[in-house]
Structure formats: C-alpha cells, structure tokens
Amino acid sequence: MAGKEPLVFIDGEYHPKSEATVSVYDHGFLYGDGVFEGIRAYNGTVFRLKEHIRRLYEGIKVTRINLDLTKEQMTNAVVDTVRRNNLTDAYIRVIVSRGRGNLGLDPRSCPKPSVVIMAEPVAPAHGKEAREKGITAIISGYRRDRVDGTSHELKSLNYIQSVMAKFQAIDANADEALMLDGRGMVSEFHGSNLFMIKDNRFNTPSSASGVLPGVTRARVMRLTDELGYELRERDITPFELMIADEIFLTGTMAEIVPVVKMNGIQIGDGHPGPLTKEVIRGFQRITQDPKEGVPIGATVQVQARVRTP
C-alpha cells in the first residue's frame, strides 16, 4: 500500500487517515470515557483476536456503554479494516467511546457510542534490539489505584497515570517505569505486564495488585506451562525484583522484552537470561501459528461505505 493513505473505520464508514475525525464533544475526548484494545496481526492472522474482543466487551459491560454491535460484527469489522488496508503484519487499535454528548459527565447525554478501528503497518522485527540487549527500568513514584478504585483492570481511555510515570522514566534516562500498588507490592510496568524468574520459577503479580489482564500475559502464562516451568501468580516485593535472576515484560506492541537493570541495579548478569530467551523463541513461534488467531480471509467483508476526500 505504498503511497496509499490508510483507511480508518469510524461508525460504519471508512475514511482516509487525513479525514478521520470524531467530534470534540465526544465523551471519550472530553472525559476519557471509553475503552480500547491494541491488537497485532502477524503474517495474515489477527493474533488472539477472540481474546481481545472478549476483553473489549467486558470493558463495555463494566462501563455500561450501550453498543449495538455484536462480538461477531466487531470481529468482522477489525479483520475487514486490516484487509482493506492490504496488510498482513499490522498494529490495530479499536476504540469504543461513550460517544458525542453534552458538556458534563452525565452519560445519558450520549445517545450512541463511537467506534473507531485503525490498522497501520508494523515491522515483524519490531523491538529486535530491545529483545537482544534488554532495557532499563525505574520504580515510579505513582501507585496503581486500588482494585476498589478506578481499576486498571479496565483498559479505559484514561492513561494519564501511565503517561506521568513514563515522564519519570524519561527523566531518569530509563526505558520503562514500574508501578507499585497501594500496598507497595509490584503491579506492572506503565504499559505492560511483568514476569520475574527466580530459581527457574516464573512469577507474575496477581490481579489483586490491579494489573491489566493482558492478552499477551495470558498466552505467556500458558507458554511457561507448555515449556514445563512452574508459574505462580502472587504478591512480589520490590526487593525480590532486585535479586531476581531474570525479569521481562509482556505486551501486545512490546511482545516480550528483557529488563536488565532496575533502579540502577543489575538484574542477573545484566544480560537477557536463558529462560527469557526461551520464552521469546516460543512466543515468536506462536505468533506465526494461524490457529492462534483469526486469519484475515476468514470473516465476511463488512458492508461499509468508503468516504473519499
């Protein structure tokens, strides 16, 4: 699609990227009132799409957004957006906001939610240098909210806390910011989940620490079992991280990335560890398996009008 402008799905129509807009009265813009998903396509298959759609609709249920699209229709729209942009490897963003309404928080002023789907090229080798050399992290001074607060288990449009934590990482010349929960236990990185390895055992914080239930996280948890390793979901202290053998993060865009320094302290021998490398190789195999997602040619084409400038 060299030289051709990407098409963006907005409420049943396709618009060229330069013409893709939503109202400034949309409550997603005004108040962060909405949910989203970041999804990857690999080699013609939309990876773990059913799991992403399920999490999206769980968020829609909790936020009480009255969306009239079924999961099947949303799945078709996602795949069709990738198909219309002639992509086989892509990063996909699905946004469902409360929609256009009045100034003020009352959600009843928004009669219809807004649905936006974007798909753009992404290199299959994204993050290759980070995977090979590892990255650095600091512990942020910002805490993840308690699970009875504005839950980070919900993938909402409000990411301001993560943005502020990222600034702390930038100021410290680090790549990532690690968030603790209200108790001081390890939660997650500012935009990804965390795994720690000690004595050949994998550990990851549980949902009690307010982590987002990551789709990549869930697949890596299964992968560790397939590889024959023990995995525990449990509370992890910051001290345990400093003396860990290996640490890595997981996320849709990041995939699997080793963390080799935390708060200036070397993790393990300061290089990506052998078990992390094994997980990276296993995950790369998984992403190339069509059974791990929805092939782009497997759904019906959406009957949507293409708007031209």
Protein backbone atom coordinates (compact mmCIF):
# COMPACT_ATOMS: atom_id res chain seq x y z
CA MET A 1 0.00 0.00 0.00
CA ALA A 2 2.98 2.28 -0.68
CA GLY A 3 1.77 5.83 -1.27
CA LYS A 4 -1.81 4.97 -0.36
CA GLU A 5 -3.37 6.58 2.68
CA PRO A 6 -4.61 4.17 5.37
CA LEU A 7 -8.36 3.78 5.81
CA VAL A 8 -9.90 4.23 9.27
CA PHE A 9 -13.22 2.66 10.28
CA ILE A 10 -15.48 5.17 12.04
CA ASP A 11 -19.05 4.22 12.91
CA GLY A 12 -19.63 2.03 9.87
CA GLU A 13 -17.74 4.10 7.32
CA TYR A 14 -14.14 4.09 6.09
CA HIS A 15 -12.30 7.41 5.97
CA PRO A 16 -8.79 8.24 4.71
CA LYS A 17 -6.46 8.80 7.67
CA SER A 18 -6.20 12.56 6.98
CA GLU A 19 -10.01 12.85 7.07
CA ALA A 20 -10.62 10.57 10.08
CA THR A 21 -12.16 12.64 12.88
CA VAL A 22 -14.58 12.44 15.79
CA SER A 23 -16.49 15.23 17.48
CA VAL A 24 -14.80 17.37 20.13
CA TYR A 25 -17.99 16.73 22.12
CA ASP A 26 -17.27 13.02 22.21
CA HIS A 27 -17.02 11.97 25.86
CA GLY A 28 -14.02 9.83 25.03
CA PHE A 29 -12.16 13.07 24.20
CA LEU A 30 -13.74 15.15 26.96
CA TYR A 31 -13.50 12.69 29.85
CA GLY A 32 -11.60 9.58 28.76
CA ASP A 33 -14.97 7.81 28.84
CA GLY A 34 -14.43 4.69 26.78
CA VAL A 35 -12.40 1.53 26.31
CA PHE A 36 -9.91 0.30 23.74
CA GLU A 37 -7.80 -2.61 22.56
CA GLY A 38 -4.37 -2.79 20.95
CA ILE A 39 -4.07 -5.85 18.70
CA ARG A 40 -1.39 -7.28 16.41
CA ALA A 41 -1.65 -9.09 13.10
CA TYR A 42 1.14 -11.47 12.11
CA ASN A 43 1.60 -12.98 8.67
CA GLY A 44 -2.07 -12.64 7.72
CA THR A 45 -3.57 -13.66 11.07
CA VAL A 46 -5.02 -11.30 13.68
CA PHE A 47 -3.37 -12.63 16.82
CA ARG A 48 -5.60 -13.68 19.74
CA LEU A 49 -8.45 -11.62 18.31
CA LYS A 50 -11.21 -13.52 20.15
CA GLU A 51 -9.47 -12.85 23.46
CA HIS A 52 -9.09 -9.15 22.66
CA ILE A 53 -12.74 -8.85 21.64
CA ARG A 54 -13.84 -10.64 24.82
CA ARG A 55 -11.82 -8.21 26.98
CA LEU A 56 -13.18 -5.25 25.00
CA TYR A 57 -16.75 -6.34 25.65
CA GLU A 58 -16.03 -6.96 29.32
CA GLY A 59 -14.91 -3.34 29.50
CA ILE A 60 -18.02 -2.22 27.62
CA LYS A 61 -20.16 -4.12 30.13
CA VAL A 62 -18.47 -2.58 33.17
CA THR A 63 -18.60 0.97 31.74
CA ARG A 64 -22.24 0.43 30.65
CA ILE A 65 -21.69 1.62 27.09
CA ASN A 66 -24.74 0.70 25.03
CA LEU A 67 -23.08 -0.76 21.95
CA ASP A 68 -25.37 -2.41 19.39
CA LEU A 69 -22.57 -4.27 17.56
CA THR A 70 -22.25 -7.94 18.41
CA LYS A 71 -18.87 -9.55 19.09
CA GLU A 72 -19.08 -11.22 15.69
CA GLN A 73 -19.77 -7.92 13.95
CA MET A 74 -16.87 -6.27 15.78
CA THR A 75 -14.58 -9.16 14.85
CA ASN A 76 -15.58 -8.82 11.21
CA ALA A 77 -15.00 -5.05 11.32
CA VAL A 78 -11.50 -5.48 12.77
CA VAL A 79 -10.46 -8.06 10.19
CA ASP A 80 -12.06 -6.07 7.38
CA THR A 81 -10.11 -2.96 8.37
CA VAL A 82 -6.84 -4.91 8.12
CA ARG A 83 -7.98 -6.45 4.82
CA ARG A 84 -8.99 -3.12 3.25
CA ASN A 85 -5.57 -1.69 4.13
CA ASN A 86 -3.86 -4.64 2.39
CA LEU A 87 -1.87 -5.51 5.50
CA THR A 88 -0.57 -8.88 6.70
CA ASP A 89 1.50 -7.53 9.63
CA ALA A 90 -0.16 -4.67 11.49
CA TYR A 91 -0.86 -2.89 14.73
CA ILE A 92 -4.60 -2.44 15.22
CA ARG A 93 -6.33 -0.04 17.60
CA VAL A 94 -10.04 -0.50 18.44
CA ILE A 95 -11.73 2.32 20.38
CA VAL A 96 -15.27 2.37 21.74
CA SER A 97 -16.14 5.67 23.43
CA ARG A 98 -19.33 6.87 25.09
CA GLY A 99 -19.94 8.99 22.03
CA ARG A 100 -21.00 12.56 21.37
CA GLY A 101 -22.88 14.29 24.17
CA ASN A 102 -23.26 17.45 26.18
CA LEU A 103 -20.64 19.14 28.33
CA GLY A 104 -20.93 17.46 31.70
CA LEU A 105 -20.32 13.96 32.99
CA ASP A 106 -23.88 12.61 32.63
CA PRO A 107 -23.50 9.61 30.26
CA ARG A 108 -27.20 9.80 29.39
CA SER A 109 -26.48 12.76 27.12
CA CYS A 110 -24.62 10.41 24.74
CA PRO A 111 -27.22 8.54 22.64
CA LYS A 112 -24.76 6.50 20.57
CA PRO A 113 -21.21 5.29 21.19
CA SER A 114 -18.40 5.96 18.73
CA VAL A 115 -16.46 3.03 17.24
CA VAL A 116 -13.06 3.62 15.66
CA ILE A 117 -10.74 0.98 14.20
CA MET A 118 -7.26 1.79 12.90
CA ALA A 119 -4.72 -0.54 11.30
CA GLU A 120 -1.23 0.51 10.31
CA PRO A 121 1.94 -1.31 9.22
CA VAL A 122 4.33 -2.62 11.83
CA ALA A 123 7.62 -4.34 11.10
CA PRO A 124 7.63 -8.03 12.06
CA ALA A 125 11.02 -7.47 13.75
CA HIS A 126 9.70 -4.63 15.97
CA GLY A 127 11.74 -4.44 19.15
CA LYS A 128 14.54 -6.70 17.91
CA GLU A 129 17.30 -4.63 19.53
CA ALA A 130 15.42 -4.43 22.83
CA ARG A 131 14.91 -8.20 22.85
CA GLU A 132 18.59 -8.84 22.23
CA LYS A 133 20.10 -6.29 24.62
CA GLY A 134 17.38 -5.74 27.22
CA ILE A 135 16.05 -2.48 28.66
CA THR A 136 16.28 -0.50 31.88
CA ALA A 137 13.54 0.48 34.32
CA ILE A 138 12.89 2.56 37.41
CA ILE A 139 10.23 2.25 40.09
CA SER A 140 7.72 5.06 39.64
CA GLY A 141 6.55 7.24 42.49
CA TYR A 142 3.00 6.90 41.16
CA ARG A 143 0.98 3.98 42.51
CA ARG A 144 -1.54 1.88 40.64
CA ASP A 145 -5.01 2.50 42.06
CA ARG A 146 -6.50 0.03 44.50
CA VAL A 147 -8.79 -2.52 42.90
CA ASP A 148 -11.79 -0.79 44.52
CA GLY A 149 -10.79 2.50 42.85
CA THR A 150 -10.54 3.40 39.18
CA SER A 151 -9.43 -0.06 38.25
CA HIS A 152 -6.52 -0.54 35.87
CA GLU A 153 -8.02 -3.95 35.19
CA LEU A 154 -10.26 -1.95 32.85
CA LYS A 155 -8.50 -0.93 29.61
CA SER A 156 -10.02 2.53 29.58
CA LEU A 157 -9.08 5.61 27.58
CA ASN A 158 -7.66 7.23 30.73
CA TYR A 159 -3.90 6.54 30.75
CA ILE A 160 -2.75 9.76 32.42
CA GLN A 161 -1.14 7.93 35.35
CA SER A 162 0.92 5.83 32.96
CA VAL A 163 1.90 8.92 30.97
CA MET A 164 3.12 10.65 34.14
CA ALA A 165 5.07 7.52 35.11
CA LYS A 166 6.65 7.48 31.64
CA PHE A 167 7.88 11.02 32.25
CA GLN A 168 9.63 9.75 35.38
CA ALA A 169 11.35 7.08 33.30
CA ILE A 170 12.39 9.67 30.71
CA ASP A 171 13.76 11.99 33.40
CA ALA A 172 15.76 9.08 34.83
CA ASN A 173 17.06 8.10 31.37
CA ALA A 174 15.32 4.73 31.70
CA ASP A 175 13.13 2.87 29.22
CA GLU A 176 10.28 1.78 31.50
CA ALA A 177 8.54 2.78 34.71
CA LEU A 178 7.41 0.08 37.13
CA MET A 179 4.22 0.76 39.07
CA LEU A 180 3.61 -0.48 42.63
CA ASP A 181 0.15 -0.97 44.07
CA GLY A 182 -1.22 0.85 47.13
CA ARG A 183 0.41 -1.69 49.45
CA GLY A 184 3.84 -1.24 47.89
CA MET A 185 3.71 -4.55 46.05
CA VAL A 186 4.78 -4.86 42.42
CA SER A 187 1.92 -4.28 39.98
CA GLU A 188 3.01 -3.75 36.35
CA PHE A 189 5.03 -1.52 34.08
CA HIS A 190 3.42 1.70 32.89
CA GLY A 191 2.14 0.00 29.73
CA SER A 192 2.90 -3.71 30.05
CA ASN A 193 2.83 -6.70 32.40
CA LEU A 194 5.74 -8.10 34.38
CA PHE A 195 7.26 -11.55 34.87
CA MET A 196 10.07 -12.37 37.30
CA ILE A 197 12.20 -15.54 37.26
CA LYS A 198 13.96 -16.86 40.35
CA ASP A 199 15.47 -20.35 40.70
CA ASN A 200 13.85 -21.46 37.41
CA ARG A 201 10.36 -20.47 38.66
CA PHE A 202 8.26 -17.88 36.86
CA ASN A 203 6.31 -15.36 38.94
CA THR A 204 3.85 -12.65 37.95
CA PRO A 205 1.70 -10.28 40.05
CA SER A 206 -1.90 -11.34 40.52
CA SER A 207 -5.00 -9.30 39.70
CA ALA A 208 -5.08 -8.24 43.37
CA SER A 209 -2.31 -5.76 42.54
CA GLY A 210 -4.51 -4.03 39.95
CA VAL A 211 -2.76 -5.31 36.82
CA LEU A 212 -4.41 -5.22 33.43
CA PRO A 213 -5.26 -8.81 32.46
CA GLY A 214 -3.01 -8.72 29.41
CA VAL A 215 -3.75 -10.95 26.44
CA THR A 216 -0.04 -11.47 25.80
CA ARG A 217 0.44 -12.09 29.55
CA ALA A 218 -2.19 -14.83 29.48
CA ARG A 219 -0.60 -16.53 26.49
CA VAL A 220 2.86 -16.37 28.06
CA MET A 221 1.49 -17.89 31.26
CA ARG A 222 0.24 -20.80 29.19
CA LEU A 223 3.53 -20.96 27.33
CA THR A 224 5.53 -21.38 30.54
CA ASP A 225 3.41 -24.43 31.34
CA GLU A 226 3.94 -25.80 27.82
CA LEU A 227 7.68 -25.37 28.32
CA GLY A 228 7.49 -27.29 31.60
CA TYR A 229 8.14 -24.49 34.09
CA GLU A 230 6.35 -23.65 37.32
CA LEU A 231 4.44 -20.36 37.36
CA ARG A 232 2.96 -18.58 40.35
CA GLU A 233 0.63 -15.59 40.44
CA ARG A 234 1.46 -13.90 43.73
CA ASP A 235 2.50 -10.75 45.55
CA ILE A 236 6.03 -9.66 44.64
CA THR A 237 8.03 -7.13 46.66
CA PRO A 238 10.38 -4.57 45.07
CA PHE A 239 13.29 -6.21 46.90
CA GLU A 240 12.54 -9.52 45.20
CA LEU A 241 12.90 -7.82 41.83
CA MET A 242 16.35 -6.54 42.67
CA ILE A 243 17.60 -10.05 43.45
CA ALA A 244 15.71 -11.78 40.61
CA ASP A 245 17.57 -13.94 38.12
CA GLU A 246 15.58 -12.54 35.18
CA ILE A 247 12.79 -10.04 34.55
CA PHE A 248 10.83 -9.47 31.37
CA LEU A 249 7.77 -7.54 30.32
CA THR A 250 4.93 -8.56 28.03
CA GLY A 251 2.56 -6.54 25.88
CA THR A 252 0.86 -6.50 22.52
CA MET A 253 3.18 -3.93 20.99
CA ALA A 254 6.28 -4.81 23.01
CA GLU A 255 5.80 -8.59 22.78
CA ILE A 256 8.49 -9.99 25.14
CA VAL A 257 11.30 -7.68 26.31
CA PRO A 258 14.01 -8.49 28.90
CA VAL A 259 14.66 -5.99 31.70
CA VAL A 260 18.36 -5.97 32.64
CA LYS A 261 18.54 -3.11 35.13
CA MET A 262 16.06 -1.88 37.76
CA ASN A 263 16.68 1.35 39.71
CA GLY A 264 20.30 1.17 38.61
CA ILE A 265 20.70 -2.36 39.96
CA GLN A 266 21.79 -5.05 37.53
CA ILE A 267 19.31 -7.91 37.12
CA GLY A 268 21.06 -11.28 36.99
CA ASP A 269 24.27 -10.87 35.00
CA GLY A 270 22.99 -7.73 33.28
CA HIS A 271 22.04 -9.52 30.05
CA PRO A 272 18.83 -11.18 28.81
CA GLY A 273 18.63 -14.53 30.61
CA PRO A 274 18.30 -18.02 29.11
CA LEU A 275 14.70 -18.61 30.21
CA THR A 276 13.60 -15.23 28.89
CA LYS A 277 15.25 -16.08 25.57
CA GLU A 278 13.41 -19.42 25.55
CA VAL A 279 10.10 -17.64 26.12
CA ILE A 280 10.90 -15.16 23.32
CA ARG A 281 11.60 -18.00 20.89
CA GLY A 282 8.43 -19.83 21.96
CA PHE A 283 6.30 -16.72 21.60
CA GLN A 284 7.70 -15.98 18.15
CA ARG A 285 6.64 -19.47 17.05
CA ILE A 286 3.19 -18.89 18.49
CA THR A 287 2.65 -15.62 16.61
CA GLN A 288 3.25 -17.41 13.30
CA ASP A 289 0.63 -20.11 14.01
CA PRO A 290 -2.71 -19.33 12.25
CA LYS A 291 -4.51 -21.33 14.96
CA GLU A 292 -3.53 -18.62 17.47
CA GLY A 293 -5.81 -16.05 15.89
CA VAL A 294 -8.30 -15.22 13.13
CA PRO A 295 -6.98 -15.37 9.55
CA ILE A 296 -7.70 -12.19 7.61
CA GLY A 297 -9.58 -14.14 4.95
CA ALA A 298 -11.75 -15.99 7.46
CA THR A 299 -14.51 -13.40 8.04
CA VAL A 300 -17.10 -11.74 5.85
CA GLN A 301 -16.46 -8.30 4.38
CA VAL A 302 -18.24 -5.51 6.23
CA GLN A 303 -20.74 -3.53 4.21
CA ALA A 304 -19.29 -0.12 4.92
CA ARG A 305 -19.04 2.94 2.71
CA VAL A 306 -15.61 4.34 1.87
CA ARG A 307 -15.56 8.11 2.17
CA THR A 308 -13.18 9.94 -0.17
CA PRO A 309 -11.65 13.39 0.44
